[in-house]
Protein backbone atom coordinates (compact mmCIF):
# COMPACT_ATOMS: atom_id res chain seq x y z
CA UNK A 1 -10.35 -4.78 -2.58
CA UNK A 2 -8.30 -7.88 -1.75
CA UNK A 3 -7.38 -8.87 1.79
CA UNK A 4 -4.78 -11.42 2.75
CA UNK A 5 -5.23 -13.11 6.12
CA UNK A 6 -2.39 -15.17 7.55
CA UNK A 7 -3.74 -17.66 10.07
CA UNK A 8 -1.02 -19.04 12.31
CA UNK A 9 -0.97 -22.21 14.32
CA UNK A 10 -3.21 -22.72 17.30
CA UNK A 11 -2.16 -20.54 20.23
CA UNK A 12 -3.31 -21.10 23.77
CA UNK A 13 -6.55 -22.95 23.09
CA UNK A 14 -8.50 -24.26 26.01
CA UNK A 15 -8.74 -27.72 24.47
CA UNK A 16 -7.55 -29.25 21.24
CA UNK A 17 -10.85 -30.89 20.44
CA UNK A 18 -11.45 -28.83 17.32
CA UNK A 19 -7.87 -28.18 16.27
CA UNK A 20 -8.09 -30.80 13.54
CA UNK A 21 -10.99 -29.06 11.79
CA UNK A 22 -10.73 -27.89 8.20
CA UNK A 23 -10.41 -24.28 9.33
CA UNK A 24 -8.06 -24.87 12.23
CA UNK A 25 -5.38 -27.33 11.26
CA UNK A 26 -3.15 -28.95 13.84
CA UNK A 27 -1.16 -27.27 16.58
CA UNK A 28 2.26 -26.30 15.23
CA UNK A 29 1.09 -26.58 11.61
CA UNK A 30 2.25 -24.08 9.00
CA UNK A 31 0.30 -20.83 8.63
CA UNK A 32 -2.43 -20.69 6.01
CA UNK A 33 -3.07 -17.84 3.59
CA UNK A 34 -6.70 -16.85 3.08
CA UNK A 35 -7.42 -14.27 0.37
CA UNK A 36 -10.77 -12.48 0.35
CA UNK A 37 -11.91 -10.32 -2.54
CA UNK A 38 -15.20 -8.46 -2.66
CA UNK A 39 -17.21 -9.57 -5.69
CA UNK A 40 -20.62 -8.60 -7.04
CA UNK A 41 -22.27 -11.67 -5.53
CA UNK A 42 -20.44 -11.68 -2.19
CA UNK A 43 -16.83 -12.69 -1.51
CA UNK A 44 -14.41 -14.77 -3.56
CA UNK A 45 -12.19 -16.84 -1.27
CA UNK A 46 -8.92 -18.69 -1.86
CA UNK A 47 -7.25 -20.82 0.81
CA UNK A 48 -3.55 -21.37 0.08
CA UNK A 49 -4.29 -20.45 -3.55
CA UNK A 50 -7.21 -22.87 -4.00
CA UNK A 51 -10.70 -21.40 -4.54
CA UNK A 52 -13.30 -22.38 -1.91
CA UNK A 53 -17.00 -21.63 -1.74
CA UNK A 54 -17.99 -19.85 1.47
CA UNK A 55 -21.30 -18.40 2.63
CA UNK A 56 -20.90 -15.91 5.45
CA UNK A 57 -23.17 -14.08 7.85
CA UNK A 58 -22.33 -11.64 10.66
CA UNK A 59 -25.00 -12.36 13.31
CA UNK A 60 -23.52 -9.93 15.86
CA UNK A 61 -20.40 -7.78 16.25
CA UNK A 62 -17.11 -9.71 16.24
CA UNK A 63 -18.84 -12.98 15.30
CA UNK A 64 -18.81 -14.54 11.84
CA UNK A 65 -20.89 -17.56 10.88
CA UNK A 66 -19.43 -19.52 7.95
CA UNK A 67 -20.83 -22.35 5.85
CA UNK A 68 -17.92 -24.16 4.16
CA UNK A 69 -18.64 -27.29 2.12
CA UNK A 70 -21.71 -28.09 4.23
CA UNK A 71 -19.94 -27.55 7.58
CA UNK A 72 -20.94 -24.64 9.79
CA UNK A 73 -18.35 -22.68 11.80
CA UNK A 74 -18.75 -19.83 14.24
CA UNK A 75 -15.66 -17.63 14.34
CA UNK A 76 -15.18 -15.05 17.06
CA UNK A 77 -12.72 -12.18 16.83
CA UNK A 78 -10.57 -11.18 19.80
CA UNK A 79 -8.62 -7.92 19.52
CA UNK A 80 -5.95 -7.16 22.12
CA UNK A 81 -3.85 -4.02 22.26
CA UNK A 82 -1.21 -5.57 19.99
CA UNK A 83 -2.62 -8.76 18.45
CA UNK A 84 -5.62 -10.18 16.64
CA UNK A 85 -6.96 -13.69 17.32
CA UNK A 86 -9.75 -15.79 15.86
CA UNK A 87 -11.58 -18.41 17.91
CA UNK A 88 -13.01 -21.44 16.08
CA UNK A 89 -14.87 -23.35 18.75
CA UNK A 90 -12.41 -23.55 21.66
CA UNK A 91 -9.30 -23.23 19.45
CA UNK A 92 -7.57 -19.81 19.31
CA UNK A 93 -5.48 -18.75 16.29
CA UNK A 94 -3.15 -15.79 15.88
CA UNK A 95 -4.06 -13.78 12.78
CA UNK A 96 -2.29 -11.16 10.67
CA UNK A 97 -4.53 -9.14 8.36
CA UNK A 98 -3.04 -7.41 5.34
CA UNK A 99 -4.58 -5.11 2.77
CA UNK A 100 -2.67 -6.14 -0.36
CA UNK A 101 -2.94 -2.68 -1.92
CA UNK A 102 -1.35 -1.21 1.20
CA UNK A 103 1.32 -3.93 1.19
CA UNK A 104 2.22 -3.19 -2.44
CA UNK A 105 2.42 0.53 -1.62
CA UNK A 106 4.73 -0.12 1.33
CA UNK A 107 6.95 -2.37 -0.78
CA UNK A 108 7.21 0.30 -3.48
CA UNK A 109 7.94 2.99 -0.89
CA UNK A 110 11.16 1.30 0.23
CA UNK A 111 13.11 3.32 -2.36
CA UNK A 112 15.82 0.81 -3.25
CA UNK A 113 14.65 0.29 -6.83
CA UNK A 114 17.35 0.18 -9.48
CA UNK A 115 17.08 1.96 -12.82
CA UNK A 116 14.49 4.48 -13.99
CA UNK A 117 11.11 4.67 -12.26
CA UNK A 118 8.06 6.04 -14.03
CA UNK A 119 5.94 8.35 -11.87
CA UNK A 120 2.34 7.87 -12.99
CA UNK A 121 -0.79 9.87 -12.23
CA UNK A 122 -2.71 7.96 -9.53
CA UNK A 123 -6.04 9.66 -10.32
CA UNK A 124 -7.72 11.88 -12.90
CA UNK A 125 -7.15 15.57 -12.33
CA UNK A 126 -5.26 18.67 -13.38
CA UNK A 127 -1.60 19.54 -12.88
CA UNK A 128 -1.43 22.55 -10.55
CA UNK A 129 2.36 22.89 -10.21
CA UNK A 130 5.53 21.24 -11.40
CA UNK A 131 7.91 21.37 -8.42
CA UNK A 132 11.16 20.22 -10.08
CA UNK A 133 12.81 20.73 -13.44
CA UNK A 134 14.37 18.02 -15.61
CA UNK A 135 17.87 16.93 -14.51
CA UNK A 136 17.21 18.09 -10.93
CA UNK A 137 18.44 16.05 -7.96
CA UNK A 138 15.55 14.55 -6.00
CA UNK A 139 15.37 12.87 -2.58
CA UNK A 140 13.08 9.95 -1.76
CA UNK A 141 9.73 11.38 -0.67
CA UNK A 142 10.34 14.80 -2.25
CA UNK A 143 7.45 16.25 -4.27
CA UNK A 144 7.71 16.33 -8.07
CA UNK A 145 4.28 17.58 -9.21
CA UNK A 146 0.98 18.60 -7.61
CA UNK A 147 -2.23 17.14 -9.04
CA UNK A 148 -5.63 18.61 -8.15
CA UNK A 149 -8.50 16.14 -8.05
CA UNK A 150 -11.96 16.88 -6.65
CA UNK A 151 -10.78 20.25 -5.26
CA UNK A 152 -7.93 18.59 -3.30
CA UNK A 153 -4.26 19.04 -4.13
CA UNK A 154 -2.12 15.90 -4.00
CA UNK A 155 1.67 16.13 -4.07
CA UNK A 156 3.11 13.28 -6.13
CA UNK A 157 6.43 12.28 -4.57
CA UNK A 158 9.56 10.54 -5.76
CA UNK A 159 9.82 6.91 -4.58
CA UNK A 160 13.63 7.07 -4.52
CA UNK A 161 16.66 9.33 -4.45
CA UNK A 162 18.00 10.16 -7.89
CA UNK A 163 17.76 12.55 -10.81
CA UNK A 164 14.55 13.67 -12.56
CA UNK A 165 15.33 12.56 -16.12
CA UNK A 166 12.05 13.65 -17.68
CA UNK A 167 9.04 15.78 -16.74
CA UNK A 168 6.01 15.01 -18.91
CA UNK A 169 3.58 17.11 -16.90
CA UNK A 170 2.93 20.80 -17.41
CA UNK A 171 0.90 23.17 -15.24
CA UNK A 172 -2.76 23.29 -16.26
CA UNK A 173 -2.69 19.99 -18.17
CA UNK A 174 -5.40 17.39 -17.55
CA UNK A 175 -4.21 13.91 -16.56
CA UNK A 176 -5.85 10.50 -16.35
CA UNK A 177 -4.88 7.61 -14.07
CA UNK A 178 -1.70 5.99 -15.40
CA UNK A 179 -0.52 9.02 -17.41
CA UNK A 180 3.26 9.51 -17.23
CA UNK A 181 4.18 12.51 -15.08
CA UNK A 182 7.95 12.09 -14.70
CA UNK A 183 10.84 9.64 -14.81
CA UNK A 184 13.31 9.41 -11.90
CA UNK A 185 16.58 7.57 -12.39
């Protein structure tokens, strides 16, 4: 799983004494992009696209202790009703956390794609029902096929309005992740 964290400029810190630190930057500076990906031996980190080595420890809830290039930082998380902030020393930074898989899904769900779209099986399973025939009109979000996986039925929906040009799935057929189920144009 990959997370993207956008760290904005310093916001409302009590003093600017630590705002020039490697993690903080200067007040009014451009936001930084930190990508975290879970790896076998911990986390792989990239700051603005450049790999960095980080050792991390969570000593107590909402506190993260980081060792970055021999410098130690204690980062505290502050969650308000609408915003998320990180404190590095006495400097406070606005943060936006994104799950890249979720972001890609939201971008695909917009439904303004041009041309044919392949509807692929998201998981292994069995086709329970085919809901539409070839050359049928389809609305964005309308179900095309139902796939059963681990005793749960999942309706696979059209990402856009259009016409179902091809149905490759048939009831009772086994499917694997990535198998073509339908084409919507």
